[in-house]
C-alpha atoms as a PDB file:
ATOM      1  CA  MET A   1     100.972  83.379 102.903  1.00  0.00           C
ATOM      2  CA  GLY A   2      98.573  82.708 105.391  1.00  0.00           C
ATOM      3  CA  ILE A   3     100.207  84.860 108.229  1.00  0.00           C
ATOM      4  CA  LYS A   4      97.867  86.304 110.772  1.00  0.00           C
ATOM      5  CA  THR A   5      98.137  90.216 111.069  1.00  0.00           C
ATOM      6  CA  GLU A   6      99.172  89.703 114.679  1.00  0.00           C
ATOM      7  CA  GLU A   7     101.981  87.555 113.761  1.00  0.00           C
ATOM      8  CA  LEU A   8     103.785  90.278 111.525  1.00  0.00           C
ATOM      9  CA  ASP A   9     106.786  91.633 112.886  1.00  0.00           C
ATOM     10  CA  SER A  10     106.441  95.394 113.903  1.00  0.00           C
ATOM     11  CA  SER A  11     109.141  96.220 111.171  1.00  0.00           C
ATOM     12  CA  VAL A  12     106.739  95.005 108.693  1.00  0.00           C
ATOM     13  CA  THR A  13     103.813  96.610 109.726  1.00  0.00           C
ATOM     14  CA  GLY A  14     105.515 100.014 110.232  1.00  0.00           C
ATOM     15  CA  ARG A  15     106.179 100.025 106.592  1.00  0.00           C
ATOM     16  CA  VAL A  16     102.925  98.711 105.131  1.00  0.00           C
ATOM     17  CA  PRO A  17      99.341  99.563 105.681  1.00  0.00           C
ATOM     18  CA  VAL A  18      97.353  96.776 107.490  1.00  0.00           C
ATOM     19  CA  TYR A  19      93.643  96.637 107.567  1.00  0.00           C
ATOM     20  CA  VAL A  20      91.444  94.340 109.533  1.00  0.00           C
ATOM     21  CA  SER A  21      88.370  93.783 107.227  1.00  0.00           C
ATOM     22  CA  LYS A  22      86.603  91.522 104.825  1.00  0.00           C
ATOM     23  CA  ASP A  23      87.650  94.301 102.086  1.00  0.00           C
ATOM     24  CA  ASP A  24      90.746  92.401 100.415  1.00  0.00           C
ATOM     25  CA  ARG A  25      91.781  95.523  98.370  1.00  0.00           C
ATOM     26  CA  TYR A  26      95.193  96.821  99.302  1.00  0.00           C
ATOM     27  CA  PHE A  27      93.935 100.259  99.389  1.00  0.00           C
ATOM     28  CA  GLN A  28      90.796 101.367 101.200  1.00  0.00           C
ATOM     29  CA  ASP A  29      90.415 104.321  98.766  1.00  0.00           C
ATOM     30  CA  LYS A  30      86.811 105.155  97.948  1.00  0.00           C
ATOM     31  CA  TYR A  31      87.609 105.075  94.195  1.00  0.00           C
ATOM     32  CA  GLN A  32      89.754 102.346  92.824  1.00  0.00           C
ATOM     33  CA  ALA A  33      90.012 101.240  89.159  1.00  0.00           C
ATOM     34  CA  THR A  34      91.653  98.880  86.676  1.00  0.00           C
ATOM     35  CA  PRO A  35      92.561 100.136  83.076  1.00  0.00           C
ATOM     36  CA  VAL A  36      89.604  99.639  80.863  1.00  0.00           C
ATOM     37  CA  PRO A  37      91.361  97.131  78.449  1.00  0.00           C
ATOM     38  CA  GLY A  38      93.249  95.732  81.303  1.00  0.00           C
ATOM     39  CA  TYR A  39      96.915  95.616  82.633  1.00  0.00           C
ATOM     40  CA  ASN A  40      98.064  93.208  79.887  1.00  0.00           C
ATOM     41  CA  GLN A  41      97.196  95.661  77.070  1.00  0.00           C
ATOM     42  CA  LEU A  42      98.506  98.515  79.031  1.00  0.00           C
ATOM     43  CA  PHE A  43     101.872  96.968  79.255  1.00  0.00           C
ATOM     44  CA  ARG A  44     101.547  95.798  75.644  1.00  0.00           C
ATOM     45  CA  HIS A  45     101.351  99.352  74.674  1.00  0.00           C
ATOM     46  CA  MET A  46     104.160 100.461  76.740  1.00  0.00           C
ATOM     47  CA  LEU A  47     106.467  97.917  75.297  1.00  0.00           C
ATOM     48  CA  ALA A  48     105.512  98.370  71.826  1.00  0.00           C
ATOM     49  CA  GLN A  49     106.846 102.188  71.722  1.00  0.00           C
ATOM     50  CA  PRO A  50     110.167 102.456  70.066  1.00  0.00           C
ATOM     51  CA  ASN A  51     111.977 104.101  72.745  1.00  0.00           C
ATOM     52  CA  ASN A  52     111.074 101.632  75.552  1.00  0.00           C
ATOM     53  CA  LYS A  53     113.732  98.910  75.863  1.00  0.00           C
ATOM     54  CA  VAL A  54     113.252  95.701  77.930  1.00  0.00           C
ATOM     55  CA  PRO A  55     116.323  93.986  79.372  1.00  0.00           C
ATOM     56  CA  LEU A  56     115.368  90.313  80.139  1.00  0.00           C
ATOM     57  CA  ASN A  57     117.401  88.061  82.553  1.00  0.00           C
ATOM     58  CA  THR A  58     119.258  91.275  83.979  1.00  0.00           C
ATOM     59  CA  GLU A  59     120.145  92.381  87.415  1.00  0.00           C
ATOM     60  CA  TYR A  60     119.004  95.774  88.224  1.00  0.00           C
ATOM     61  CA  ARG A  61     122.089  96.764  90.076  1.00  0.00           C
ATOM     62  CA  GLU A  62     124.357  95.775  87.212  1.00  0.00           C
ATOM     63  CA  ILE A  63     123.295  98.125  84.738  1.00  0.00           C
ATOM     64  CA  GLU A  64     121.580 101.066  86.695  1.00  0.00           C
ATOM     65  CA  SER A  65     124.695 103.465  85.770  1.00  0.00           C
ATOM     66  CA  GLU A  66     124.194 102.536  82.021  1.00  0.00           C
ATOM     67  CA  VAL A  67     120.455 102.992  81.699  1.00  0.00           C
ATOM     68  CA  LYS A  68     118.870 106.523  81.305  1.00  0.00           C
ATOM     69  CA  PHE A  69     115.198 106.794  81.861  1.00  0.00           C
ATOM     70  CA  ARG A  70     112.384 109.109  83.024  1.00  0.00           C
ATOM     71  CA  ARG A  71     109.953 106.326  84.330  1.00  0.00           C
ATOM     72  CA  MET A  72     111.007 102.887  85.235  1.00  0.00           C
ATOM     73  CA  VAL A  73     108.981  99.732  85.929  1.00  0.00           C
ATOM     74  CA  TYR A  74     110.843  97.561  88.535  1.00  0.00           C
ATOM     75  CA  THR A  75     109.273  94.210  89.020  1.00  0.00           C
ATOM     76  CA  GLY A  76     111.776  92.870  91.735  1.00  0.00           C
ATOM     77  CA  SER A  77     111.606  92.597  95.504  1.00  0.00           C
ATOM     78  CA  ILE A  78     110.828  96.176  96.802  1.00  0.00           C
ATOM     79  CA  ASP A  79     113.289  95.370  99.656  1.00  0.00           C
ATOM     80  CA  ALA A  80     115.916  94.268  97.081  1.00  0.00           C
ATOM     81  CA  PHE A  81     115.412  97.477  95.025  1.00  0.00           C
ATOM     82  CA  PHE A  82     116.363  99.524  98.554  1.00  0.00           C
ATOM     83  CA  ASP A  83     119.249  97.329  99.314  1.00  0.00           C
ATOM     84  CA  TYR A  84     117.326  95.871 102.346  1.00  0.00           C
ATOM     85  CA  VAL A  85     117.850  99.020 104.354  1.00  0.00           C
ATOM     86  CA  HIS A  86     114.983  98.217 106.811  1.00  0.00           C
ATOM     87  CA  SER A  87     115.543  94.394 106.687  1.00  0.00           C
ATOM     88  CA  LYS A  88     113.930  91.856 104.468  1.00  0.00           C
ATOM     89  CA  LEU A  89     109.916  91.280 104.486  1.00  0.00           C
ATOM     90  CA  PRO A  90     109.535  87.858 105.939  1.00  0.00           C
ATOM     91  CA  CYS A  91     106.692  87.324 103.207  1.00  0.00           C
ATOM     92  CA  ASP A  92     109.253  88.244 100.386  1.00  0.00           C
ATOM     93  CA  SER A  93     108.864  84.991  97.980  1.00  0.00           C
ATOM     94  CA  SER A  94     112.587  85.785  96.228  1.00  0.00           C
ATOM     95  CA  LEU A  95     114.454  85.006  99.426  1.00  0.00           C
END
């Protein structure tokens, strides 16, 4: 979004790792990887499983008590998922 690190509010920098370097990876771990066939194929495989249901155009909070799951992929705003308990991130594009 073009925001300099020093312009970020301390409530943001206290919750996410901030690195000042030319390394544009999110994590600075020595070993990082992408699935060999790519993320598209990974998700295609997960979605093709008969027990996986994918409700589209659905607000998570409206169905959370109805849905039983062992694992879930939530693709919304992380602050929304936690009901903005630590405020809204200024870089959240869904606001």
